[in-house]
Amino acid sequence: MPTTIRKVSYAYVTVVNKSGEAARILEALRDAGANLLAFSGFPQGRNRAQVDIVTDDIDRVMAAAKRHKWKLSRTKRAFLAQGTDEVGAALPPLARLAAAKINVIAADAVAAGERRFAMLFWVAPRDYNRAAKLLEAA
C-alpha cells in the first residue's frame, strides 16, 4: 500500500485531568456520530489536560462540543499519512518538507497492525498550503 497523505482538521478541548475524562469525551463523540481519525490527550499544567480530536467531520465534533458545553478551540489543520509499516516509513514526507525548508513543528506516528502505519504531523499555518502542494495531500 503506498503512503497517502491527506489534509485533516482538528480541534482540542481542555478538561480537568482526572479519571474518565477521555472516556466521557469519546462516548459523546461516538453518540454524535463523529468519525475520529486520531485522538490524543496529554497533561497541560498541574490539573488540566488537552484532548486533540482529529476528524473528517468537524461539524459533528462542534455539535458535540456545543451539546456538552465544551470550550472547543478554533479548527486547526494537520496532515495524516497512512501506508505500509516498514523500516523508515515515516521518513519520506518529513524529508521532503525538510528539503523544502518547511519545519515540522510536531509529529506522532504509530504502527497500526497488519503492516500499517499512520502519522499525524503539523507545520506552521503559514507553511500549510505550500506543504500540502509539495506532499500532494488530498
N, C-alpha and C. Protein backbone atom coordinates (compact mmCIF):
# COMPACT_ATOMS: atom_id res chain seq x y z
N MET A 1 0.85 -1.16 0.00
CA MET A 1 0.00 0.00 0.00
C MET A 1 0.91 1.24 0.00
N PRO A 2 0.77 2.09 -0.99
CA PRO A 2 1.58 3.32 -1.00
C PRO A 2 1.12 4.26 0.11
N THR A 3 2.02 5.10 0.56
CA THR A 3 1.67 6.08 1.60
C THR A 3 0.82 7.18 0.98
N THR A 4 -0.29 7.46 1.62
CA THR A 4 -1.15 8.56 1.20
C THR A 4 -1.08 9.64 2.29
N ILE A 5 -1.20 10.86 1.85
CA ILE A 5 -1.17 11.98 2.79
C ILE A 5 -2.41 12.81 2.53
N ARG A 6 -3.12 13.09 3.60
CA ARG A 6 -4.31 13.93 3.43
C ARG A 6 -4.33 15.05 4.46
N LYS A 7 -5.02 16.09 4.09
CA LYS A 7 -5.23 17.22 4.98
C LYS A 7 -6.35 16.85 5.94
N VAL A 8 -6.16 17.17 7.21
CA VAL A 8 -7.18 16.88 8.20
C VAL A 8 -7.43 18.10 9.08
N SER A 9 -8.61 18.13 9.66
CA SER A 9 -8.98 19.17 10.60
C SER A 9 -8.98 18.60 12.00
N TYR A 10 -8.68 19.45 12.95
CA TYR A 10 -8.77 19.02 14.33
C TYR A 10 -9.07 20.22 15.21
N ALA A 11 -9.52 19.92 16.39
CA ALA A 11 -9.74 20.92 17.42
C ALA A 11 -9.39 20.25 18.74
N TYR A 12 -9.23 21.05 19.75
CA TYR A 12 -8.94 20.46 21.05
C TYR A 12 -9.84 21.07 22.11
N VAL A 13 -9.97 20.32 23.18
CA VAL A 13 -10.71 20.78 24.35
C VAL A 13 -9.78 20.59 25.55
N THR A 14 -9.84 21.53 26.46
CA THR A 14 -9.07 21.42 27.70
C THR A 14 -10.03 21.00 28.81
N VAL A 15 -9.63 19.97 29.54
CA VAL A 15 -10.51 19.40 30.57
C VAL A 15 -9.73 19.24 31.87
N VAL A 16 -10.44 18.96 32.94
CA VAL A 16 -9.81 18.61 34.21
C VAL A 16 -9.10 17.27 34.02
N ASN A 17 -7.90 17.17 34.51
CA ASN A 17 -7.11 15.96 34.36
C ASN A 17 -7.50 14.97 35.46
N LYS A 18 -8.53 14.16 35.16
CA LYS A 18 -9.00 13.18 36.14
C LYS A 18 -9.49 11.94 35.41
N SER A 19 -9.62 10.87 36.15
CA SER A 19 -10.05 9.59 35.60
C SER A 19 -11.38 9.72 34.89
N GLY A 20 -11.47 9.11 33.72
CA GLY A 20 -12.73 9.03 33.00
C GLY A 20 -13.00 10.14 32.00
N GLU A 21 -12.20 11.21 32.00
CA GLU A 21 -12.47 12.33 31.09
C GLU A 21 -12.36 11.90 29.62
N ALA A 22 -11.34 11.16 29.27
CA ALA A 22 -11.19 10.71 27.88
C ALA A 22 -12.37 9.83 27.47
N ALA A 23 -12.77 8.92 28.34
CA ALA A 23 -13.90 8.04 28.03
C ALA A 23 -15.18 8.86 27.85
N ARG A 24 -15.37 9.87 28.68
CA ARG A 24 -16.56 10.72 28.57
C ARG A 24 -16.58 11.45 27.23
N ILE A 25 -15.44 11.97 26.82
CA ILE A 25 -15.36 12.68 25.54
C ILE A 25 -15.58 11.72 24.38
N LEU A 26 -14.93 10.57 24.43
CA LEU A 26 -15.10 9.59 23.35
C LEU A 26 -16.55 9.10 23.25
N GLU A 27 -17.19 8.91 24.38
CA GLU A 27 -18.60 8.50 24.37
C GLU A 27 -19.47 9.56 23.71
N ALA A 28 -19.25 10.81 24.06
CA ALA A 28 -20.04 11.90 23.48
C ALA A 28 -19.80 12.01 21.97
N LEU A 29 -18.55 11.83 21.54
CA LEU A 29 -18.25 11.89 20.11
C LEU A 29 -18.87 10.71 19.37
N ARG A 30 -18.82 9.54 19.99
CA ARG A 30 -19.47 8.37 19.38
C ARG A 30 -20.97 8.61 19.23
N ASP A 31 -21.60 9.12 20.28
CA ASP A 31 -23.03 9.36 20.24
C ASP A 31 -23.41 10.42 19.20
N ALA A 32 -22.48 11.33 18.92
CA ALA A 32 -22.72 12.37 17.91
C ALA A 32 -22.43 11.86 16.50
N GLY A 33 -21.90 10.64 16.40
CA GLY A 33 -21.59 10.08 15.08
C GLY A 33 -20.33 10.66 14.46
N ALA A 34 -19.45 11.22 15.28
CA ALA A 34 -18.21 11.81 14.77
C ALA A 34 -17.18 10.72 14.48
N ASN A 35 -16.73 10.65 13.25
CA ASN A 35 -15.70 9.70 12.87
C ASN A 35 -14.34 10.27 13.22
N LEU A 36 -13.62 9.58 14.10
CA LEU A 36 -12.31 10.07 14.51
C LEU A 36 -11.21 9.42 13.68
N LEU A 37 -10.26 10.23 13.28
CA LEU A 37 -9.07 9.74 12.60
C LEU A 37 -7.93 9.57 13.61
N ALA A 38 -7.97 10.38 14.66
CA ALA A 38 -6.99 10.29 15.74
C ALA A 38 -7.54 11.00 16.96
N PHE A 39 -6.99 10.63 18.10
CA PHE A 39 -7.40 11.18 19.37
C PHE A 39 -6.16 11.16 20.26
N SER A 40 -5.84 12.26 20.89
CA SER A 40 -4.64 12.33 21.70
C SER A 40 -4.91 13.20 22.91
N GLY A 41 -4.47 12.74 24.05
CA GLY A 41 -4.63 13.53 25.27
C GLY A 41 -3.31 13.60 26.01
N PHE A 42 -3.04 14.74 26.63
CA PHE A 42 -1.80 14.91 27.37
C PHE A 42 -1.97 16.00 28.42
N PRO A 43 -1.18 15.95 29.48
CA PRO A 43 -1.31 16.93 30.55
C PRO A 43 -0.96 18.34 30.06
N GLN A 44 -1.62 19.29 30.68
CA GLN A 44 -1.37 20.70 30.40
C GLN A 44 -1.39 21.43 31.74
N GLY A 45 -0.24 21.54 32.34
CA GLY A 45 -0.19 22.11 33.68
C GLY A 45 -0.49 21.06 34.73
N ARG A 46 -0.81 21.54 35.93
CA ARG A 46 -0.99 20.63 37.06
C ARG A 46 -2.28 19.83 37.02
N ASN A 47 -3.40 20.47 36.72
CA ASN A 47 -4.69 19.81 36.86
C ASN A 47 -5.52 19.78 35.59
N ARG A 48 -4.92 20.13 34.48
CA ARG A 48 -5.66 20.20 33.22
C ARG A 48 -5.04 19.23 32.21
N ALA A 49 -5.80 18.90 31.20
CA ALA A 49 -5.32 18.06 30.10
C ALA A 49 -5.89 18.61 28.80
N GLN A 50 -5.13 18.48 27.75
CA GLN A 50 -5.59 18.87 26.41
C GLN A 50 -5.92 17.61 25.65
N VAL A 51 -7.09 17.59 25.03
CA VAL A 51 -7.53 16.45 24.24
C VAL A 51 -7.69 16.92 22.80
N ASP A 52 -6.84 16.41 21.92
CA ASP A 52 -6.91 16.72 20.49
C ASP A 52 -7.85 15.74 19.80
N ILE A 53 -8.73 16.27 18.98
CA ILE A 53 -9.72 15.45 18.28
C ILE A 53 -9.54 15.69 16.79
N VAL A 54 -9.01 14.68 16.10
CA VAL A 54 -8.78 14.77 14.65
C VAL A 54 -9.89 13.99 13.96
N THR A 55 -10.53 14.63 13.01
CA THR A 55 -11.74 14.05 12.42
C THR A 55 -11.87 14.39 10.95
N ASP A 56 -12.71 13.68 10.28
CA ASP A 56 -13.07 14.06 8.90
C ASP A 56 -14.46 14.71 8.89
N ASP A 57 -14.99 15.00 10.08
CA ASP A 57 -16.30 15.65 10.18
C ASP A 57 -16.31 16.61 11.37
N ILE A 58 -15.65 17.74 11.20
CA ILE A 58 -15.51 18.70 12.30
C ILE A 58 -16.86 19.26 12.76
N ASP A 59 -17.85 19.28 11.86
CA ASP A 59 -19.17 19.79 12.25
C ASP A 59 -19.79 18.93 13.34
N ARG A 60 -19.63 17.63 13.27
CA ARG A 60 -20.17 16.75 14.32
C ARG A 60 -19.44 16.95 15.64
N VAL A 61 -18.14 17.18 15.56
CA VAL A 61 -17.38 17.45 16.78
C VAL A 61 -17.85 18.76 17.40
N MET A 62 -18.05 19.76 16.57
CA MET A 62 -18.52 21.05 17.07
C MET A 62 -19.91 20.93 17.69
N ALA A 63 -20.77 20.12 17.09
CA ALA A 63 -22.11 19.91 17.64
C ALA A 63 -22.03 19.22 19.01
N ALA A 64 -21.16 18.22 19.12
CA ALA A 64 -20.99 17.54 20.41
C ALA A 64 -20.44 18.51 21.45
N ALA A 65 -19.50 19.35 21.04
CA ALA A 65 -18.93 20.32 21.97
C ALA A 65 -20.01 21.28 22.47
N LYS A 66 -20.84 21.72 21.58
CA LYS A 66 -21.91 22.64 21.98
C LYS A 66 -22.88 21.94 22.93
N ARG A 67 -23.27 20.72 22.59
CA ARG A 67 -24.22 19.96 23.41
C ARG A 67 -23.68 19.71 24.81
N HIS A 68 -22.37 19.47 24.91
CA HIS A 68 -21.77 19.13 26.21
C HIS A 68 -21.06 20.32 26.86
N LYS A 69 -21.20 21.50 26.25
CA LYS A 69 -20.64 22.74 26.78
C LYS A 69 -19.13 22.67 26.96
N TRP A 70 -18.47 22.05 25.98
CA TRP A 70 -17.01 22.05 25.97
C TRP A 70 -16.54 23.34 25.32
N LYS A 71 -15.47 23.89 25.81
CA LYS A 71 -14.86 25.04 25.16
C LYS A 71 -13.86 24.50 24.14
N LEU A 72 -14.32 24.38 22.91
CA LEU A 72 -13.52 23.81 21.83
C LEU A 72 -12.64 24.90 21.21
N SER A 73 -11.42 24.55 20.89
CA SER A 73 -10.53 25.51 20.22
C SER A 73 -11.07 25.81 18.82
N ARG A 74 -10.48 26.80 18.20
CA ARG A 74 -10.82 27.03 16.79
C ARG A 74 -10.30 25.82 16.00
N THR A 75 -10.85 25.60 14.84
CA THR A 75 -10.42 24.48 13.99
C THR A 75 -9.01 24.73 13.49
N LYS A 76 -8.20 23.71 13.57
CA LYS A 76 -6.81 23.78 13.12
C LYS A 76 -6.58 22.72 12.05
N ARG A 77 -5.39 22.75 11.43
CA ARG A 77 -5.12 21.82 10.33
C ARG A 77 -3.82 21.06 10.59
N ALA A 78 -3.82 19.84 10.08
CA ALA A 78 -2.64 18.98 10.17
C ALA A 78 -2.63 18.08 8.95
N PHE A 79 -1.71 17.15 8.91
CA PHE A 79 -1.64 16.16 7.85
C PHE A 79 -1.69 14.77 8.47
N LEU A 80 -2.30 13.84 7.76
CA LEU A 80 -2.35 12.44 8.16
C LEU A 80 -1.74 11.61 7.05
N ALA A 81 -0.64 10.93 7.37
CA ALA A 81 -0.01 9.99 6.43
C ALA A 81 -0.41 8.59 6.84
N GLN A 82 -0.76 7.76 5.87
CA GLN A 82 -1.13 6.36 6.15
C GLN A 82 -0.49 5.49 5.08
N GLY A 83 0.04 4.35 5.48
CA GLY A 83 0.66 3.48 4.50
C GLY A 83 1.16 2.20 5.12
N THR A 84 2.07 1.55 4.41
CA THR A 84 2.64 0.28 4.84
C THR A 84 3.69 0.53 5.91
N ASP A 85 3.61 -0.24 6.98
CA ASP A 85 4.59 -0.15 8.06
C ASP A 85 5.84 -0.91 7.65
N GLU A 86 6.90 -0.17 7.44
CA GLU A 86 8.19 -0.76 7.10
C GLU A 86 9.27 0.15 7.66
N VAL A 87 10.48 -0.32 7.70
CA VAL A 87 11.57 0.49 8.21
C VAL A 87 11.64 1.80 7.43
N GLY A 88 11.61 2.90 8.14
CA GLY A 88 11.71 4.22 7.51
C GLY A 88 10.42 4.75 6.93
N ALA A 89 9.29 4.16 7.25
CA ALA A 89 8.02 4.55 6.63
C ALA A 89 7.67 6.02 6.84
N ALA A 90 8.03 6.57 7.98
CA ALA A 90 7.67 7.96 8.27
C ALA A 90 8.63 8.98 7.64
N LEU A 91 9.74 8.50 7.12
CA LEU A 91 10.78 9.41 6.63
C LEU A 91 10.42 10.21 5.38
N PRO A 92 9.87 9.61 4.33
CA PRO A 92 9.70 10.36 3.07
C PRO A 92 8.96 11.70 3.18
N PRO A 93 7.79 11.77 3.81
CA PRO A 93 7.15 13.09 3.85
C PRO A 93 7.94 14.11 4.67
N LEU A 94 8.54 13.65 5.76
CA LEU A 94 9.31 14.56 6.60
C LEU A 94 10.57 15.04 5.88
N ALA A 95 11.21 14.15 5.14
CA ALA A 95 12.40 14.52 4.37
C ALA A 95 12.05 15.51 3.26
N ARG A 96 10.92 15.32 2.60
CA ARG A 96 10.50 16.26 1.55
C ARG A 96 10.29 17.64 2.13
N LEU A 97 9.65 17.71 3.28
CA LEU A 97 9.43 19.01 3.92
C LEU A 97 10.75 19.63 4.35
N ALA A 98 11.64 18.83 4.89
CA ALA A 98 12.95 19.35 5.31
C ALA A 98 13.71 19.91 4.12
N ALA A 99 13.68 19.20 2.99
CA ALA A 99 14.38 19.67 1.80
C ALA A 99 13.83 21.01 1.30
N ALA A 100 12.55 21.23 1.55
CA ALA A 100 11.90 22.49 1.14
C ALA A 100 11.99 23.55 2.24
N LYS A 101 12.73 23.25 3.31
CA LYS A 101 12.91 24.19 4.43
C LYS A 101 11.59 24.51 5.14
N ILE A 102 10.69 23.50 5.19
CA ILE A 102 9.44 23.62 5.93
C ILE A 102 9.61 22.85 7.23
N ASN A 103 9.48 23.55 8.34
CA ASN A 103 9.68 22.94 9.64
C ASN A 103 8.44 22.17 10.08
N VAL A 104 8.64 20.93 10.48
CA VAL A 104 7.57 20.14 11.10
C VAL A 104 7.61 20.47 12.58
N ILE A 105 6.53 21.04 13.09
CA ILE A 105 6.54 21.50 14.48
C ILE A 105 6.14 20.42 15.47
N ALA A 106 5.49 19.36 14.98
CA ALA A 106 5.15 18.22 15.83
C ALA A 106 4.77 17.05 14.94
N ALA A 107 4.96 15.84 15.46
CA ALA A 107 4.57 14.64 14.73
C ALA A 107 4.32 13.51 15.72
N ASP A 108 3.35 12.67 15.41
CA ASP A 108 3.05 11.46 16.17
C ASP A 108 2.83 10.35 15.17
N ALA A 109 3.52 9.22 15.36
CA ALA A 109 3.36 8.09 14.45
C ALA A 109 3.10 6.83 15.26
N VAL A 110 2.41 5.89 14.63
CA VAL A 110 2.08 4.63 15.30
C VAL A 110 1.98 3.51 14.27
N ALA A 111 2.41 2.33 14.65
CA ALA A 111 2.17 1.14 13.84
C ALA A 111 0.75 0.69 14.16
N ALA A 112 -0.03 0.43 13.13
CA ALA A 112 -1.45 0.14 13.32
C ALA A 112 -1.78 -1.35 13.17
N GLY A 113 -0.78 -2.19 13.12
CA GLY A 113 -1.01 -3.63 12.94
C GLY A 113 -1.22 -3.97 11.48
N GLU A 114 -1.09 -5.24 11.16
CA GLU A 114 -1.26 -5.73 9.79
C GLU A 114 -0.41 -4.92 8.80
N ARG A 115 0.81 -4.57 9.25
CA ARG A 115 1.79 -3.85 8.42
C ARG A 115 1.31 -2.47 7.96
N ARG A 116 0.55 -1.79 8.82
CA ARG A 116 0.09 -0.44 8.50
C ARG A 116 0.67 0.55 9.50
N PHE A 117 0.86 1.78 9.06
CA PHE A 117 1.28 2.83 9.97
C PHE A 117 0.48 4.09 9.67
N ALA A 118 0.47 4.97 10.65
CA ALA A 118 -0.15 6.28 10.46
C ALA A 118 0.71 7.30 11.18
N MET A 119 0.74 8.50 10.63
CA MET A 119 1.48 9.58 11.25
C MET A 119 0.72 10.89 11.07
N LEU A 120 0.50 11.57 12.17
CA LEU A 120 -0.03 12.94 12.15
C LEU A 120 1.16 13.87 12.25
N PHE A 121 1.14 14.94 11.47
CA PHE A 121 2.20 15.92 11.61
C PHE A 121 1.68 17.30 11.29
N TRP A 122 2.35 18.27 11.91
CA TRP A 122 1.91 19.65 11.86
C TRP A 122 3.03 20.53 11.34
N VAL A 123 2.66 21.53 10.57
CA VAL A 123 3.57 22.59 10.15
C VAL A 123 2.94 23.92 10.56
N ALA A 124 3.72 24.97 10.53
CA ALA A 124 3.18 26.29 10.87
C ALA A 124 2.07 26.65 9.90
N PRO A 125 1.04 27.34 10.36
CA PRO A 125 -0.07 27.72 9.47
C PRO A 125 0.40 28.42 8.20
N ARG A 126 1.43 29.25 8.30
CA ARG A 126 1.91 29.97 7.11
C ARG A 126 2.51 29.03 6.06
N ASP A 127 2.92 27.82 6.47
CA ASP A 127 3.53 26.85 5.56
C ASP A 127 2.57 25.77 5.08
N TYR A 128 1.34 25.78 5.60
CA TYR A 128 0.42 24.67 5.36
C TYR A 128 0.11 24.45 3.88
N ASN A 129 -0.28 25.49 3.18
CA ASN A 129 -0.65 25.32 1.77
C ASN A 129 0.54 24.89 0.92
N ARG A 130 1.70 25.44 1.19
CA ARG A 130 2.90 25.05 0.44
C ARG A 130 3.25 23.60 0.73
N ALA A 131 3.13 23.18 1.98
CA ALA A 131 3.39 21.78 2.35
C ALA A 131 2.39 20.84 1.68
N ALA A 132 1.12 21.24 1.68
CA ALA A 132 0.08 20.41 1.06
C ALA A 132 0.37 20.20 -0.42
N LYS A 133 0.77 21.23 -1.09
CA LYS A 133 1.10 21.12 -2.52
C LYS A 133 2.32 20.24 -2.72
N LEU A 134 3.35 20.45 -1.94
CA LEU A 134 4.58 19.67 -2.06
C LEU A 134 4.32 18.19 -1.82
N LEU A 135 3.47 17.88 -0.84
CA LEU A 135 3.17 16.49 -0.48
C LEU A 135 2.05 15.88 -1.31
N GLU A 136 1.44 16.70 -2.15
CA GLU A 136 0.28 16.26 -2.95
C GLU A 136 -0.80 15.70 -2.04
N ALA A 137 -1.05 16.42 -0.95
CA ALA A 137 -2.03 15.99 0.04
C ALA A 137 -3.44 16.22 -0.47
N ALA A 138 -4.25 15.21 -0.29
CA ALA A 138 -5.66 15.30 -0.73
C ALA A 138 -6.50 15.99 0.31
